[in-house]
Amino acid sequence: MDEELRSLTERLRQESGASAAFDRLVATEDPDELAGVLTEPGQPLWARELAAFRLGLAGDRRAFESLVLLLNHRDPPRCAAAAYALARLDDPRTARAAAALATNELRVAYALHPVRLLAELGSPESVPALITTLERRLRPHDPYRRVALACVEGLGTLADARARPVLNEALAHPALAEAAVRALARIPGQRGGVKGTGP
């Protein structure tokens, strides 16, 4: 069993009270049964999450909308599981949805996993969205340092020259400086060190 699926299964088993319905959803090999859980009214959240996750791993795009909703959930384990499944779903809409969530200032408290997903996808939307999100996090007294750090790390992973200006700005923030140095070092053609390192 996939390790992420194992972790999700254990979490949702507890949430479901180890019900017969849970056992059936874990055991079924019928994608239509799983997809039905996503559209039937009155289904509990654990059932929708389990069905969407399993469909996502199987590459069934009927899971897309449910996984995007879970990606922006207030519960971090749900966000992490949704990001994992979306990265494997291979739906062309995923990057655009993740970028919209990452850059939505009204939901910035839940932007960590959309940001990490963008870095993993490496899509055309990824770098602009991470730059935008990081620029906003560099304001004085911004409380979302984990989101900012994820942006810095993601931009380092993507190693795109467009990120140089915002990464140089991040050097002035002690919580981000070390990661920003590493990210800048990964960008090809970086000459003369990083801003502020010379005399």
Protein backbone atom coordinates (compact mmCIF):
# COMPACT_ATOMS: atom_id res chain seq x y z
CA MET A 1 0.00 0.00 0.00
CA ASP A 2 1.18 3.54 -0.81
CA GLU A 3 2.59 5.10 2.39
CA GLU A 4 0.46 8.22 2.05
CA LEU A 5 -2.62 6.06 1.51
CA ARG A 6 -1.70 4.04 4.58
CA SER A 7 -1.42 7.20 6.69
CA LEU A 8 -4.68 8.60 5.37
CA THR A 9 -6.45 5.28 5.90
CA GLU A 10 -5.40 5.11 9.54
CA ARG A 11 -6.51 8.71 10.18
CA LEU A 12 -9.88 8.25 8.51
CA ARG A 13 -10.48 4.86 10.15
CA GLN A 14 -10.43 6.64 13.50
CA GLU A 15 -12.55 9.49 12.19
CA SER A 16 -15.16 7.08 10.83
CA GLY A 17 -15.27 4.99 13.97
CA ALA A 18 -14.03 2.01 11.95
CA SER A 19 -17.47 1.71 10.37
CA ALA A 20 -18.59 -0.87 7.83
CA ALA A 21 -18.96 1.94 5.30
CA PHE A 22 -15.30 2.80 5.81
CA ASP A 23 -14.22 -0.81 5.27
CA ARG A 24 -16.26 -0.96 2.08
CA LEU A 25 -14.67 2.21 0.65
CA VAL A 26 -11.19 0.97 1.49
CA ALA A 27 -11.81 -2.39 -0.14
CA THR A 28 -13.74 -1.44 -3.26
CA GLU A 29 -12.02 -1.57 -6.63
CA ASP A 30 -14.96 0.10 -8.39
CA PRO A 31 -14.13 3.70 -9.37
CA ASP A 32 -17.78 4.43 -10.02
CA GLU A 33 -18.62 3.56 -6.42
CA LEU A 34 -15.89 5.93 -5.22
CA ALA A 35 -17.05 8.68 -7.57
CA GLY A 36 -20.60 8.25 -6.35
CA VAL A 37 -19.50 9.14 -2.82
CA LEU A 38 -18.40 12.54 -4.14
CA THR A 39 -21.83 13.38 -5.54
CA GLU A 40 -24.26 11.69 -3.17
CA PRO A 41 -25.76 14.07 -0.61
CA GLY A 42 -25.17 13.47 3.07
CA GLN A 43 -21.83 11.73 2.75
CA PRO A 44 -19.48 12.42 5.70
CA LEU A 45 -16.26 14.33 5.06
CA TRP A 46 -14.07 11.31 5.80
CA ALA A 47 -15.85 9.32 3.08
CA ARG A 48 -15.47 12.11 0.53
CA GLU A 49 -11.79 12.48 1.37
CA LEU A 50 -11.11 8.76 1.12
CA ALA A 51 -12.94 8.46 -2.19
CA ALA A 52 -11.28 11.54 -3.69
CA PHE A 53 -7.82 10.45 -2.57
CA ARG A 54 -8.18 6.95 -4.01
CA LEU A 55 -9.54 8.29 -7.30
CA GLY A 56 -6.74 10.85 -7.44
CA LEU A 57 -4.07 8.20 -7.05
CA ALA A 58 -5.77 6.24 -9.82
CA GLY A 59 -5.67 9.24 -12.17
CA ASP A 60 -9.47 9.56 -12.25
CA ARG A 61 -10.24 13.23 -12.85
CA ARG A 62 -13.66 12.99 -11.23
CA ALA A 63 -11.73 13.58 -8.01
CA PHE A 64 -10.45 17.00 -9.06
CA GLU A 65 -13.05 19.34 -7.54
CA SER A 66 -13.17 17.48 -4.23
CA LEU A 67 -9.38 17.41 -3.94
CA VAL A 68 -9.12 21.14 -4.62
CA LEU A 69 -11.63 21.84 -1.86
CA LEU A 70 -9.61 19.65 0.52
CA LEU A 71 -6.37 21.37 -0.53
CA ASN A 72 -7.69 24.55 1.07
CA HIS A 73 -9.17 22.93 4.18
CA ARG A 74 -8.46 24.25 7.68
CA ASP A 75 -7.17 20.81 8.73
CA PRO A 76 -3.50 20.46 7.60
CA PRO A 77 -3.53 16.64 7.21
CA ARG A 78 -6.42 16.93 4.76
CA CYS A 79 -4.53 19.61 2.80
CA ALA A 80 -1.38 17.49 2.68
CA ALA A 81 -3.25 14.40 1.49
CA ALA A 82 -5.10 16.40 -1.18
CA ALA A 83 -1.84 17.91 -2.44
CA TYR A 84 -0.29 14.45 -2.69
CA ALA A 85 -3.24 13.11 -4.68
CA LEU A 86 -3.45 16.17 -6.94
CA ALA A 87 0.23 15.88 -7.81
CA ARG A 88 -0.49 12.36 -9.08
CA LEU A 89 -3.85 13.07 -10.71
CA ASP A 90 -2.21 14.73 -13.74
CA ASP A 91 -5.13 17.06 -14.37
CA PRO A 92 -4.23 20.16 -16.42
CA ARG A 93 -6.42 22.31 -14.17
CA THR A 94 -4.42 21.54 -11.03
CA ALA A 95 -1.71 24.18 -11.32
CA ARG A 96 -4.18 26.97 -12.04
CA ALA A 97 -6.29 25.96 -9.04
CA ALA A 98 -3.25 25.73 -6.75
CA ALA A 99 -2.05 29.14 -7.93
CA ALA A 100 -5.45 30.67 -7.20
CA LEU A 101 -5.42 29.23 -3.68
CA ALA A 102 -1.81 30.22 -2.98
CA THR A 103 -2.40 33.84 -4.01
CA ASN A 104 -5.79 34.28 -2.29
CA GLU A 105 -5.03 36.64 0.59
CA LEU A 106 -8.34 35.80 2.25
CA ARG A 107 -7.15 32.18 2.60
CA VAL A 108 -3.43 32.73 3.14
CA ALA A 109 -3.57 30.86 6.46
CA TYR A 110 -4.21 27.71 4.40
CA ALA A 111 -1.77 28.45 1.53
CA LEU A 112 1.11 26.24 2.70
CA HIS A 113 0.11 23.10 0.82
CA PRO A 114 -0.96 24.88 -2.39
CA VAL A 115 2.47 26.56 -2.37
CA ARG A 116 4.26 23.24 -1.92
CA LEU A 117 2.14 21.67 -4.64
CA LEU A 118 3.07 24.44 -7.09
CA ALA A 119 6.75 23.80 -6.43
CA GLU A 120 6.26 20.09 -7.04
CA LEU A 121 4.28 20.61 -10.25
CA GLY A 122 6.77 23.02 -11.82
CA SER A 123 4.07 24.29 -14.17
CA PRO A 124 4.00 27.65 -16.01
CA GLU A 125 1.78 29.03 -13.23
CA SER A 126 4.16 27.99 -10.45
CA VAL A 127 6.88 30.66 -10.48
CA PRO A 128 4.60 33.71 -10.92
CA ALA A 129 2.27 32.49 -8.16
CA LEU A 130 5.12 31.78 -5.74
CA ILE A 131 6.69 35.17 -6.44
CA THR A 132 3.38 36.95 -5.84
CA THR A 133 2.73 35.07 -2.61
CA LEU A 134 6.25 35.64 -1.30
CA GLU A 135 6.19 39.36 -2.13
CA ARG A 136 3.10 39.75 0.05
CA ARG A 137 4.71 37.79 2.89
CA LEU A 138 7.68 40.17 3.02
CA ARG A 139 5.58 42.94 4.53
CA PRO A 140 6.56 43.97 8.08
CA HIS A 141 5.11 41.75 10.82
CA ASP A 142 3.52 39.28 8.41
CA PRO A 143 2.48 36.25 10.52
CA TYR A 144 2.65 33.62 7.78
CA ARG A 145 6.35 32.76 7.92
CA ARG A 146 5.81 29.08 7.08
CA VAL A 147 4.09 30.09 3.85
CA ALA A 148 6.92 32.51 3.06
CA LEU A 149 9.55 29.87 3.73
CA ALA A 150 7.73 27.37 1.52
CA CYS A 151 7.72 29.97 -1.27
CA VAL A 152 11.46 30.55 -0.91
CA GLU A 153 12.19 26.82 -0.90
CA GLY A 154 9.85 26.26 -3.85
CA LEU A 155 11.49 29.00 -5.89
CA GLY A 156 14.85 27.42 -5.13
CA THR A 157 13.56 24.08 -6.37
CA LEU A 158 12.27 25.66 -9.58
CA ALA A 159 15.51 27.66 -10.05
CA ASP A 160 13.93 30.28 -12.32
CA ALA A 161 15.80 33.55 -12.85
CA ARG A 162 12.55 35.54 -12.47
CA ALA A 163 12.71 34.77 -8.75
CA ARG A 164 16.02 36.58 -8.14
CA PRO A 165 14.55 39.98 -7.14
CA VAL A 166 12.11 38.62 -4.56
CA LEU A 167 14.67 36.16 -3.19
CA ASN A 168 17.13 39.02 -2.77
CA GLU A 169 14.45 40.87 -0.81
CA ALA A 170 13.93 37.80 1.36
CA LEU A 171 17.58 37.99 2.45
CA ALA A 172 16.63 40.90 4.71
CA HIS A 173 14.30 38.67 6.74
CA PRO A 174 16.21 36.55 9.29
CA ALA A 175 13.70 33.70 9.21
CA LEU A 176 14.10 33.43 5.43
CA ALA A 177 17.69 34.48 4.78
CA GLU A 178 19.36 31.09 4.95
CA ALA A 179 16.81 29.48 2.65
CA ALA A 180 17.00 32.45 0.28
CA VAL A 181 20.79 32.10 0.00
CA ARG A 182 20.36 28.43 -0.91
CA ALA A 183 17.60 29.23 -3.39
CA LEU A 184 19.64 31.94 -5.11
CA ALA A 185 22.61 29.60 -5.38
CA ARG A 186 20.47 27.15 -7.38
CA ILE A 187 19.51 29.69 -10.04
CA PRO A 188 21.74 29.27 -13.11
CA GLY A 189 23.85 32.25 -14.06
CA GLN A 190 23.79 33.86 -10.62
CA ARG A 191 26.82 36.13 -10.75
CA GLY A 192 28.65 38.03 -8.07
CA GLY A 193 26.93 36.40 -5.11
CA VAL A 194 23.67 37.73 -3.74
CA LYS A 195 22.62 41.24 -2.92
CA GLY A 196 24.14 42.56 0.24
CA THR A 197 27.07 40.17 0.36
CA GLY A 198 29.62 42.57 -1.13
CA PRO A 199 31.27 45.63 0.43
